[in-house]
Protein backbone atom coordinates (compact mmCIF):
# COMPACT_ATOMS: atom_id res chain seq x y z
CA MET A 1 75.78 70.62 116.55
CA ALA A 2 77.15 73.41 113.80
CA VAL A 3 75.76 71.27 110.94
CA VAL A 4 72.60 71.82 112.51
CA ALA A 5 72.78 75.37 112.68
CA LEU A 6 73.84 75.93 109.69
CA ARG A 7 71.04 73.54 107.82
CA HIS A 8 68.85 76.24 110.06
CA LEU A 9 70.32 79.17 108.15
CA LEU A 10 69.85 77.30 104.98
CA ASP A 11 66.00 77.46 105.61
CA ASN A 12 66.34 81.23 105.05
CA ASP A 13 65.37 81.84 101.58
CA VAL A 14 67.48 85.11 101.31
CA ILE A 15 70.69 83.45 102.53
CA ARG A 16 70.20 80.56 100.37
CA ALA A 17 69.68 82.40 97.10
CA PHE A 18 72.60 84.65 98.13
CA MET A 19 74.98 81.70 98.95
CA THR A 20 73.98 79.92 95.44
CA ALA A 21 73.97 83.33 93.32
CA SER A 22 76.90 85.01 94.87
CA HIS A 23 79.44 82.33 94.58
CA ALA A 24 78.31 80.61 91.14
CA GLN A 25 77.59 83.87 89.47
CA ARG A 26 79.75 86.46 90.98
CA PRO A 27 83.75 87.17 89.95
CA HIS A 28 86.76 85.68 91.84
CA THR A 29 88.02 88.83 91.70
CA ARG A 30 86.70 91.23 94.40
CA ILE A 31 84.90 94.51 94.38
CA VAL A 32 85.75 97.43 96.60
CA ALA A 33 83.30 100.50 96.44
CA THR A 34 83.62 103.69 98.01
CA LEU A 35 80.27 104.99 99.85
CA GLY A 36 79.08 108.59 99.48
CA PRO A 37 75.79 110.83 98.85
CA ALA A 38 75.06 108.51 96.18
CA THR A 39 74.82 105.35 98.26
CA ASP A 40 73.39 106.79 101.18
CA PRO A 41 69.69 105.72 100.32
CA PRO A 42 69.13 102.44 101.83
CA GLU A 43 67.72 101.02 98.50
CA VAL A 44 70.90 101.95 96.88
CA LEU A 45 73.06 100.37 99.50
CA GLU A 46 71.11 97.02 99.20
CA ALA A 47 71.48 97.31 95.59
CA ILE A 48 75.29 97.83 95.44
CA LEU A 49 75.38 94.85 97.94
CA ARG A 50 73.49 92.66 95.89
CA ALA A 51 75.34 93.45 92.77
CA GLY A 52 78.59 92.14 94.30
CA VAL A 53 80.42 94.85 96.46
CA ASP A 54 82.32 92.82 98.87
CA VAL A 55 84.10 95.29 100.73
CA VAL A 56 83.11 98.92 101.03
CA ARG A 57 85.48 102.01 101.43
CA LEU A 58 84.90 104.98 103.72
CA ASN A 59 87.12 107.80 102.58
CA PHE A 60 87.79 110.08 105.70
CA SER A 61 89.41 112.65 103.73
CA HIS A 62 85.90 114.04 102.80
CA GLY A 63 83.14 115.15 104.83
CA ASP A 64 82.60 114.81 109.04
CA PRO A 65 83.96 111.50 110.26
CA SER A 66 80.33 111.12 111.95
CA ALA A 67 78.85 110.73 108.14
CA GLN A 68 81.17 107.92 107.78
CA VAL A 69 80.23 106.20 110.87
CA ALA A 70 76.87 106.15 110.23
CA ARG A 71 77.61 104.54 106.63
CA GLY A 72 79.53 101.98 108.64
CA GLU A 73 76.63 101.41 110.69
CA ALA A 74 74.20 100.92 107.50
CA VAL A 75 76.72 98.77 106.06
CA ARG A 76 76.73 96.12 109.21
CA ALA A 77 72.78 96.21 109.21
CA MET A 78 72.49 95.78 105.58
CA ALA A 79 75.07 92.81 105.37
CA ALA A 80 73.23 91.33 108.28
CA LYS A 81 69.80 91.81 106.43
CA LEU A 82 71.29 90.22 103.29
CA GLY A 83 73.35 87.41 104.83
CA ARG A 84 76.54 88.92 103.60
CA GLU A 85 80.33 89.21 104.95
CA VAL A 86 81.07 92.76 103.58
CA GLY A 87 84.39 94.12 104.91
CA ILE A 88 84.59 97.78 105.86
CA LEU A 89 87.82 99.55 104.97
CA ALA A 90 88.47 103.24 106.71
CA ASP A 91 90.85 105.05 104.27
CA LEU A 92 93.11 107.69 106.29
CA PRO A 93 93.42 111.26 104.44
CA GLY A 94 97.31 111.31 105.27
CA PRO A 95 99.59 114.36 104.50
CA LYS A 96 97.72 115.46 101.41
CA ILE A 97 99.27 118.60 100.39
CA ARG A 98 96.65 121.20 99.22
CA VAL A 99 96.32 124.89 98.10
CA GLU A 100 94.02 127.06 100.08
CA THR A 101 91.15 128.98 99.09
CA PHE A 102 90.65 131.67 96.51
CA ALA A 103 88.40 134.71 97.22
CA ASP A 104 86.13 133.75 94.18
CA GLY A 105 86.55 130.06 94.74
CA LYS A 106 88.68 129.67 91.62
CA VAL A 107 91.22 131.54 89.39
CA GLN A 108 92.28 131.62 85.73
CA LEU A 109 95.74 130.93 85.31
CA LYS A 110 97.93 131.84 82.06
CA ALA A 111 101.10 130.11 81.02
CA GLY A 112 104.18 132.11 81.55
CA ASN A 113 102.86 134.27 84.47
CA ARG A 114 104.05 134.51 87.88
CA PHE A 115 102.39 132.56 90.67
CA ASP A 116 103.51 132.28 94.47
CA LEU A 117 102.63 129.60 96.93
CA VAL A 118 102.90 131.03 100.76
CA ALA A 119 103.46 128.52 103.19
CA ARG A 120 102.28 130.51 106.06
CA LEU A 121 99.42 130.56 108.34
CA GLY A 122 96.56 133.13 108.06
CA VAL A 123 97.01 133.77 104.16
CA PRO A 124 94.52 135.65 102.80
CA PRO A 125 92.05 133.95 100.13
CA GLY A 126 93.85 133.83 96.83
CA ASP A 127 93.88 135.18 93.55
CA ALA A 128 95.56 135.08 90.13
CA THR A 129 99.01 135.85 91.55
CA GLN A 130 99.40 133.75 94.77
CA VAL A 131 97.60 131.32 97.15
CA GLY A 132 98.18 129.78 100.50
CA VAL A 133 99.51 126.00 100.83
CA SER A 134 98.48 123.74 103.89
CA TYR A 135 102.08 122.33 104.23
CA LEU A 136 104.39 125.10 105.65
CA GLU A 137 107.37 123.02 105.48
CA LEU A 138 107.02 122.88 101.66
CA PRO A 139 109.45 125.80 101.09
CA GLY A 140 112.21 123.31 102.43
CA ASP A 141 111.72 120.40 100.15
CA VAL A 142 111.75 122.30 96.68
CA VAL A 143 114.60 123.92 94.64
CA ALA A 144 114.44 126.03 91.52
CA GLY A 145 113.60 123.96 88.54
CA ASP A 146 111.31 121.72 90.39
CA VAL A 147 107.94 120.90 88.59
CA LEU A 148 104.91 120.99 91.10
CA LEU A 149 101.81 119.19 89.71
CA LEU A 150 98.24 120.29 91.26
CA ASP A 151 94.73 118.99 90.64
CA ASP A 152 96.02 115.49 89.51
CA GLY A 153 98.76 117.48 87.10
CA ILE A 154 96.18 119.68 85.11
CA VAL A 155 97.77 122.50 86.84
CA GLN A 156 101.74 122.56 86.01
CA LEU A 157 103.78 125.02 87.99
CA GLN A 158 107.79 125.44 87.75
CA VAL A 159 109.85 126.52 90.58
CA THR A 160 111.83 129.31 89.95
CA ALA A 161 112.91 130.91 93.37
CA VAL A 162 112.15 129.93 97.17
CA GLU A 163 112.15 133.24 99.10
CA GLY A 164 111.80 132.32 102.99
CA GLU A 165 108.02 131.25 102.96
CA ARG A 166 107.27 132.16 99.51
CA ILE A 167 107.77 129.73 96.46
CA VAL A 168 107.97 131.72 93.45
CA THR A 169 106.73 129.67 90.37
CA THR A 170 106.07 130.12 86.71
CA ILE A 171 102.56 128.84 85.52
CA LEU A 172 103.36 126.20 82.63
CA ASN A 173 100.07 125.73 80.93
CA ASP A 174 96.68 127.70 80.70
CA CYS A 175 94.36 126.36 83.58
CA VAL A 176 91.67 126.95 86.14
CA LEU A 177 92.87 126.24 90.03
CA SER A 178 89.99 126.03 92.27
CA ASN A 179 89.83 125.47 96.31
CA ARG A 180 91.75 122.92 98.35
CA LYS A 181 93.19 121.20 95.32
CA GLY A 182 96.02 118.45 95.95
CA LEU A 183 99.59 119.47 95.14
CA ASN A 184 102.66 117.20 94.06
CA LYS A 185 105.96 117.39 93.26
CA GLN A 186 107.14 115.69 90.29
CA GLY A 187 109.34 112.66 91.10
CA GLY A 188 108.70 112.73 94.57
CA GLY A 189 111.00 113.95 97.35
CA LEU A 190 108.45 115.43 99.95
CA SER A 191 109.91 115.02 103.34
CA LEU A 192 106.44 114.76 105.09
CA GLY A 193 105.42 111.85 107.09
CA ALA A 194 102.42 109.36 106.40
CA ILE A 195 100.97 109.52 109.90
CA THR A 196 99.42 112.62 110.58
CA GLU A 197 97.99 113.86 114.09
CA LYS A 198 94.32 114.07 112.02
CA ASP A 199 95.40 110.41 111.06
CA ARG A 200 95.88 109.20 114.76
CA GLU A 201 92.34 110.89 115.78
CA LEU A 202 90.64 108.65 113.09
CA ILE A 203 92.25 105.79 113.72
CA VAL A 204 90.55 106.05 117.37
CA ILE A 205 87.35 106.17 115.63
CA ALA A 206 87.83 103.50 113.21
CA ALA A 207 88.86 101.37 116.41
CA GLY A 208 85.30 102.41 117.82
CA MET A 209 83.76 101.01 114.78
CA GLN A 210 85.86 97.79 114.46
CA VAL A 211 86.63 98.36 110.71
CA ASP A 212 88.17 95.46 109.27
CA PHE A 213 90.79 97.57 107.16
CA ILE A 214 92.73 100.81 107.47
CA ALA A 215 94.30 102.33 104.90
CA VAL A 216 97.59 104.37 105.33
CA SER A 217 97.85 106.96 102.56
CA PHE A 218 101.05 108.40 101.13
CA CYS A 219 103.33 105.89 102.76
CA ARG A 220 106.90 106.16 102.19
CA ASN A 221 108.64 102.99 103.67
CA ALA A 222 108.08 100.37 106.24
CA GLU A 223 108.50 102.27 109.04
CA ASP A 224 105.22 104.47 108.10
CA MET A 225 103.24 101.13 108.36
CA HIS A 226 104.64 100.09 111.37
CA GLU A 227 103.69 103.17 112.99
CA ALA A 228 100.19 103.02 111.78
CA ARG A 229 99.77 99.39 113.14
CA ARG A 230 101.33 100.49 116.68
CA VAL A 231 98.35 103.37 116.89
CA ALA A 232 95.84 100.88 115.82
CA ARG A 233 96.97 98.15 118.20
CA ALA A 234 97.41 100.60 121.02
CA HIS A 235 93.64 101.51 120.71
CA GLY A 236 92.53 98.00 120.21
CA CYS A 237 92.20 97.73 116.92
CA ASN A 238 93.40 94.60 114.99
CA ALA A 239 92.08 95.70 111.44
CA ALA A 240 94.33 94.68 108.46
CA LEU A 241 96.70 97.64 107.47
CA VAL A 242 96.63 98.86 103.85
CA ALA A 243 99.64 100.49 102.15
CA LYS A 244 98.66 102.69 99.19
CA ILE A 245 101.62 103.15 96.91
CA GLU A 246 100.96 106.73 96.07
CA ARG A 247 104.37 108.15 96.07
CA ALA A 248 107.61 107.98 94.18
CA GLU A 249 109.44 107.20 97.31
CA ALA A 250 107.16 104.38 97.98
CA ILE A 251 108.28 102.45 94.65
CA GLU A 252 112.18 102.49 95.99
CA ASN A 253 111.02 101.19 99.07
CA LEU A 254 108.29 98.61 97.64
CA THR A 255 109.75 95.47 99.20
CA GLU A 256 109.86 96.52 102.73
CA ILE A 257 106.26 98.45 102.48
CA VAL A 258 104.87 95.04 101.29
CA ASP A 259 106.47 93.24 104.07
CA ALA A 260 105.30 95.73 106.47
CA SER A 261 101.69 95.55 105.23
CA ASP A 262 98.57 92.86 105.20
CA VAL A 263 97.06 94.70 101.76
CA VAL A 264 98.67 96.89 99.45
CA MET A 265 96.81 99.37 97.16
CA VAL A 266 98.11 100.35 93.76
CA ALA A 267 96.41 103.92 94.26
CA ARG A 268 97.12 105.39 90.55
CA GLY A 269 95.94 108.98 91.05
CA ASP A 270 98.77 110.46 93.14
CA LEU A 271 101.21 107.66 91.67
CA GLY A 272 100.38 108.71 88.15
CA VAL A 273 101.07 112.39 89.01
CA GLU A 274 104.39 112.10 90.79
CA ILE A 275 105.96 109.36 88.21
CA GLY A 276 104.38 110.26 85.10
CA ASP A 277 101.55 108.46 83.24
CA ALA A 278 104.00 106.77 80.91
CA GLU A 279 105.43 104.60 83.74
CA LEU A 280 102.37 103.65 85.48
CA PRO A 281 100.73 100.50 83.68
CA GLY A 282 104.63 98.81 84.33
CA LEU A 283 104.49 100.08 87.82
CA GLN A 284 100.81 98.49 88.38
CA LYS A 285 102.04 95.06 86.95
CA LYS A 286 105.02 95.29 89.19
CA ILE A 287 103.14 96.02 92.45
CA ILE A 288 100.41 93.36 91.62
CA ARG A 289 103.42 90.72 90.91
CA GLU A 290 105.44 91.76 94.14
CA SER A 291 102.29 91.59 96.42
CA VAL A 292 101.17 88.05 95.36
CA ALA A 293 104.73 86.74 95.48
CA ARG A 294 104.99 88.06 98.80
CA GLU A 295 101.46 86.64 99.99
CA LYS A 296 99.80 89.73 99.97
CA VAL A 297 96.42 90.87 98.95
CA VAL A 298 96.38 93.59 96.43
CA ILE A 299 93.82 96.29 95.27
CA THR A 300 93.83 97.96 91.91
CA ALA A 301 92.37 101.51 92.35
CA THR A 302 91.67 104.68 91.14
CA GLN A 303 89.33 106.09 87.97
CA MET A 304 88.70 102.42 86.76
CA LEU A 305 85.24 103.21 85.51
CA GLN A 306 85.60 107.07 85.47
CA SER A 307 83.21 107.54 82.83
CA MET A 308 80.27 106.05 84.63
CA VAL A 309 80.32 109.15 87.30
CA ASP A 310 78.00 110.69 84.43
CA SER A 311 77.24 107.88 81.78
CA PRO A 312 75.40 104.37 82.42
CA ILE A 313 77.93 102.51 80.72
CA PRO A 314 81.74 102.18 80.49
CA THR A 315 84.07 103.23 77.76
CA ARG A 316 86.03 100.32 75.86
CA ALA A 317 89.46 101.66 77.47
CA GLU A 318 88.05 101.18 81.14
CA VAL A 319 86.61 97.76 80.18
CA LEU A 320 90.42 96.97 79.05
CA ASP A 321 91.77 98.78 82.07
CA VAL A 322 89.83 96.47 84.59
CA ALA A 323 90.06 93.56 82.27
CA ASN A 324 94.08 94.02 82.22
CA ALA A 325 94.20 94.25 85.95
CA VAL A 326 92.37 91.25 86.63
CA ILE A 327 94.25 89.40 84.08
CA ASP A 328 97.49 90.60 85.98
CA GLY A 329 96.33 88.94 89.07
CA THR A 330 95.01 91.76 91.51
CA ASP A 331 92.76 90.57 94.24
CA ALA A 332 90.39 93.19 94.11
CA VAL A 333 89.40 96.37 91.67
CA MET A 334 88.03 99.69 93.45
CA LEU A 335 85.56 102.26 92.41
CA SER A 336 85.86 105.79 94.03
CA GLN A 337 83.86 108.62 92.41
CA GLU A 338 81.94 106.35 90.22
CA SER A 339 79.96 104.89 93.14
CA ALA A 340 80.41 107.63 96.11
CA ALA A 341 79.10 110.56 93.92
CA GLY A 342 78.31 109.20 90.43
CA SER A 343 74.81 108.90 88.83
CA TRP A 344 74.85 105.58 88.40
CA PRO A 345 76.43 103.83 91.57
CA VAL A 346 74.63 100.60 90.88
CA ARG A 347 75.18 100.09 87.17
CA ALA A 348 78.93 100.81 87.93
CA VAL A 349 79.12 97.78 90.08
CA GLU A 350 77.35 95.69 87.87
CA ALA A 351 79.71 96.70 85.10
CA MET A 352 82.70 96.00 87.08
CA ALA A 353 81.42 92.55 88.21
CA ARG A 354 80.51 91.68 84.50
CA ILE A 355 84.15 93.00 83.27
CA CYS A 356 85.70 90.94 86.09
CA MET A 357 83.94 87.71 85.30
CA GLY A 358 84.83 87.97 81.50
CA ALA A 359 88.32 88.76 82.26
CA GLU A 360 88.60 85.75 84.45
CA LYS A 361 87.60 83.44 81.85
CA GLN A 362 90.65 84.80 80.01
CA PHE A 363 93.22 84.14 82.93
CA GLU A 364 95.17 81.14 82.48
CA ALA A 365 96.13 79.39 85.85
CA ASP A 366 99.28 77.79 85.23
CA THR A 367 101.53 77.66 88.32
CA ASP A 368 104.96 76.99 87.68
CA PHE A 369 105.85 74.92 90.89
CA GLU A 370 109.46 74.34 89.72
CA GLN A 371 109.78 77.81 90.19
CA ALA A 372 107.71 78.37 93.48
CA LYS A 373 109.20 79.20 96.59
CA ARG A 374 111.41 76.52 98.21
CA GLY A 375 112.28 76.22 101.98
CA LEU A 376 108.56 76.96 103.39
CA ALA A 377 108.48 77.83 106.90
CA ARG A 378 105.00 76.89 107.67
CA ALA A 379 102.74 74.17 107.21
CA ASP A 380 99.78 75.99 105.91
CA GLN A 381 101.98 77.25 103.23
CA ALA A 382 103.23 73.66 102.27
CA ILE A 383 99.55 72.56 102.12
CA ALA A 384 98.35 75.50 100.10
CA MET A 385 100.99 74.47 97.44
CA ALA A 386 100.01 70.88 97.26
CA THR A 387 96.48 71.74 97.04
CA MET A 388 96.80 73.80 94.13
CA PHE A 389 98.68 71.27 92.44
CA LEU A 390 96.03 68.94 93.06
CA CYS A 391 93.86 71.64 91.49
CA GLU A 392 95.89 71.84 88.15
CA HIS A 393 96.39 68.08 87.71
CA VAL A 394 93.30 66.03 89.28
CA GLY A 395 90.47 67.98 88.17
CA VAL A 396 89.30 69.32 91.48
CA ARG A 397 85.86 71.36 91.78
CA ALA A 398 86.53 73.16 94.85
CA VAL A 399 88.74 73.65 97.62
CA VAL A 400 87.26 73.50 101.14
CA ALA A 401 89.37 75.11 103.86
CA MET A 402 88.74 75.20 107.63
CA THR A 403 90.70 78.24 108.85
CA GLU A 404 90.62 80.16 112.22
CA SER A 405 91.96 83.38 111.08
CA GLY A 406 92.06 83.46 107.24
CA GLY A 407 95.71 82.78 106.92
CA THR A 408 95.03 79.30 105.17
CA ALA A 409 92.79 80.90 102.55
CA ARG A 410 95.39 83.73 102.18
CA TYR A 411 97.99 81.20 101.20
CA LEU A 412 95.91 79.58 98.88
CA SER A 413 94.58 82.52 97.02
CA ARG A 414 98.24 83.32 96.23
CA PHE A 415 98.40 80.59 93.59
CA ARG A 416 95.24 82.29 91.45
CA SER A 417 93.25 79.32 90.42
CA ALA A 418 90.06 79.05 88.83
CA VAL A 419 89.05 77.01 91.37
CA PRO A 420 86.63 78.29 94.54
CA ILE A 421 88.01 78.36 97.75
CA TYR A 422 85.29 77.98 100.31
CA ALA A 423 86.65 79.09 103.47
CA PHE A 424 84.86 78.17 106.82
CA SER A 425 85.29 80.30 109.92
CA HIS A 426 83.31 80.92 112.79
CA HIS A 427 85.33 84.14 113.22
CA ALA A 428 83.14 86.97 111.77
CA GLY A 429 86.22 89.61 111.54
CA ALA A 430 88.33 86.84 109.80
CA ARG A 431 85.43 86.33 107.12
CA ARG A 432 85.13 89.83 106.53
CA LYS A 433 88.90 89.88 106.18
CA MET A 434 88.59 87.47 103.63
CA ALA A 435 86.22 89.43 101.45
CA LEU A 436 89.08 91.10 99.84
CA MET A 437 90.99 87.39 98.76
CA ARG A 438 90.51 86.62 95.03
CA ASP A 439 88.77 83.35 94.63
CA VAL A 440 88.06 82.78 98.28
CA PHE A 441 84.24 82.84 99.74
CA ALA A 442 84.21 82.91 103.32
CA MET A 443 81.31 81.00 105.49
CA ASP A 444 80.11 80.80 108.97
CA TYR A 445 80.95 77.18 110.29
CA ASP A 446 81.66 76.54 113.94
CA SER A 447 83.69 73.60 114.19
CA ARG A 448 84.45 73.72 117.88
CA GLY A 449 84.15 69.99 119.45
CA GLN A 450 84.46 68.70 115.88
CA THR A 451 87.15 65.89 114.48
CA PRO A 452 88.59 66.97 111.26
CA ARG A 453 86.37 64.15 109.64
CA GLU A 454 83.36 65.42 111.15
CA ALA A 455 84.10 68.97 109.94
CA ALA A 456 84.72 67.79 106.69
CA ARG A 457 81.16 66.08 106.27
CA GLY A 458 79.46 68.85 107.86
CA SER A 459 80.81 71.75 105.48
CA ILE A 460 80.85 69.63 102.42
CA ARG A 461 77.09 68.73 103.31
CA LEU A 462 76.63 72.38 103.48
CA LEU A 463 77.78 73.17 100.06
CA VAL A 464 75.81 70.33 98.77
CA GLU A 465 72.83 71.79 100.27
CA ALA A 466 73.53 74.96 99.05
CA GLY A 467 73.73 73.65 95.46
CA LEU A 468 77.45 74.67 95.10
CA LEU A 469 78.69 70.82 94.93
CA ASN A 470 76.94 68.06 93.41
CA PRO A 471 77.75 64.16 93.21
CA GLY A 472 80.76 63.26 91.76
CA ASP A 473 82.57 66.37 92.21
CA ARG A 474 86.01 66.07 93.80
CA VAL A 475 87.23 68.41 96.52
CA VAL A 476 90.30 69.24 98.75
CA PHE A 477 89.62 69.70 101.98
CA THR A 478 92.35 71.49 104.60
CA SER A 479 92.31 71.44 107.99
CA GLY A 480 94.29 71.01 111.30
CA GLU A 481 94.90 67.88 113.45
CA HIS A 482 93.43 70.16 116.29
CA MET A 483 90.54 72.43 115.08
CA GLU A 484 90.25 75.92 115.89
CA THR A 485 93.59 76.47 116.50
CA LYS A 486 95.34 79.40 114.68
CA GLY A 487 98.07 78.36 112.12
CA ALA A 488 97.28 74.78 112.66
CA THR A 489 96.55 73.61 109.13
CA ASN A 490 98.62 70.59 108.59
CA THR A 491 96.40 67.92 106.86
CA LEU A 492 95.32 67.71 103.30
CA ARG A 493 92.60 65.02 101.97
CA LEU A 494 91.07 64.36 98.73
CA LEU A 495 87.78 63.60 98.72
CA GLU A 496 84.66 62.71 96.32
CA ILE A 497 80.99 63.73 96.64
CA GLY A 498 78.97 60.44 96.53
CA SER A 499 75.55 60.07 95.03
CA ASP A 500 74.09 60.77 98.75
CA GLY A 501 75.93 64.16 99.13
CA ARG A 502 78.63 62.39 101.42
CA ALA A 503 81.95 63.22 100.87
CA THR A 504 84.10 59.78 100.80
CA GLY A 505 88.01 59.16 100.23
CA LEU A 506 89.20 58.71 96.56
CA GLY A 507 90.47 55.50 95.78
CA GLU A 508 91.19 55.88 91.84
CA LEU A 509 92.00 59.15 89.87
């Protein structure tokens, strides 16, 4: 029986300690950490997972793909050692436009001077007068008067003329420009697609790794996401697709992109460069709100604790930034350079967890059911709404959901409750995908051959033995009439934990 097998697992002190600590003392907001040289030592990887990392990001924009494959293998091994469900996100480089290299590695640019961008193969190493660019079609996408932003906006160039393959610009500010820095056009409008040939090659590698998420960089519209999904599925990859919102065009097509994706990422770096920093806070809130409303998972990313690349503590501004994202309803917050190459990767994760837990105390779960979606097409959506109504009005300690694919957990999570959602599935891939869902704690449970009543008793008994539920606690249990059937959740039970640890039906409220 599944309960016997799970009870055996609980005999493992490591797993018991994790289940208790990770659920009771960890935030409901998920933490994504980028892996890199700073996390390669096994003791550091173990420490960041123990500190609260739910999903690791492999940034395929940097280094040889084989290094990322090795990191993915290390994560799988360490997660198994710790009894953790840790998702792996493969982040594709996409069509990032970059300048080429300089003869001396970098140049000093002076405001008012001419500086040319040359869109041609075989351009010699650059100097203070010119440099090559990686995107050969760039001259067709710009006109005189356009402003080009390099190195996340530190370098500002205004186009004065386009002469064939040569873009003539005037330098707008004194600055230093070094090798391979990124280039954006202020206001967007670049025509290059989201999926490059390099991305296609990397999707094949990601498929072989059995990653849980694939992030599509610089997507412009729904078709970019559809194309990525077609390529992934053609290679047997069932990873969830993450749309990185970092182009001005993506804002114009936000609704269709969200609908075409499984997860949405507020990629604040390039987005802030293209639209301007003053517009970014409002757009971040809009993207989070739109994603949650359309029942999609959302990640907030880029420079969240940037000072911790070098400092062991975050700035107060960074604390407020992370907290505001949590209060706005983001599912996950992400560390980039802070964990991949910083001096304090473990402390950065610990700080992120601490801030999220503090912010969650300020988050007010007050669903306006009068304004909730009408005409629901799925039974599991209706069950999720009814469940969260009970959570807000009856004093429920937890939600226990039997789920095949994680769909029920996702619908439950969209309501943003302070009540933990314990999602049970015997599918490892489904559990790892749930690692990005706010409020959801995925657990291994094999309900095959069990009736819904047996599954309820077995899963709740497991939670009681782990110290996550206690006698007298009320729980909502959701399942399908036929267990282990995808999309079949259609049953809700309101239960109470008795003095013997068994779940019984509630007669009085």
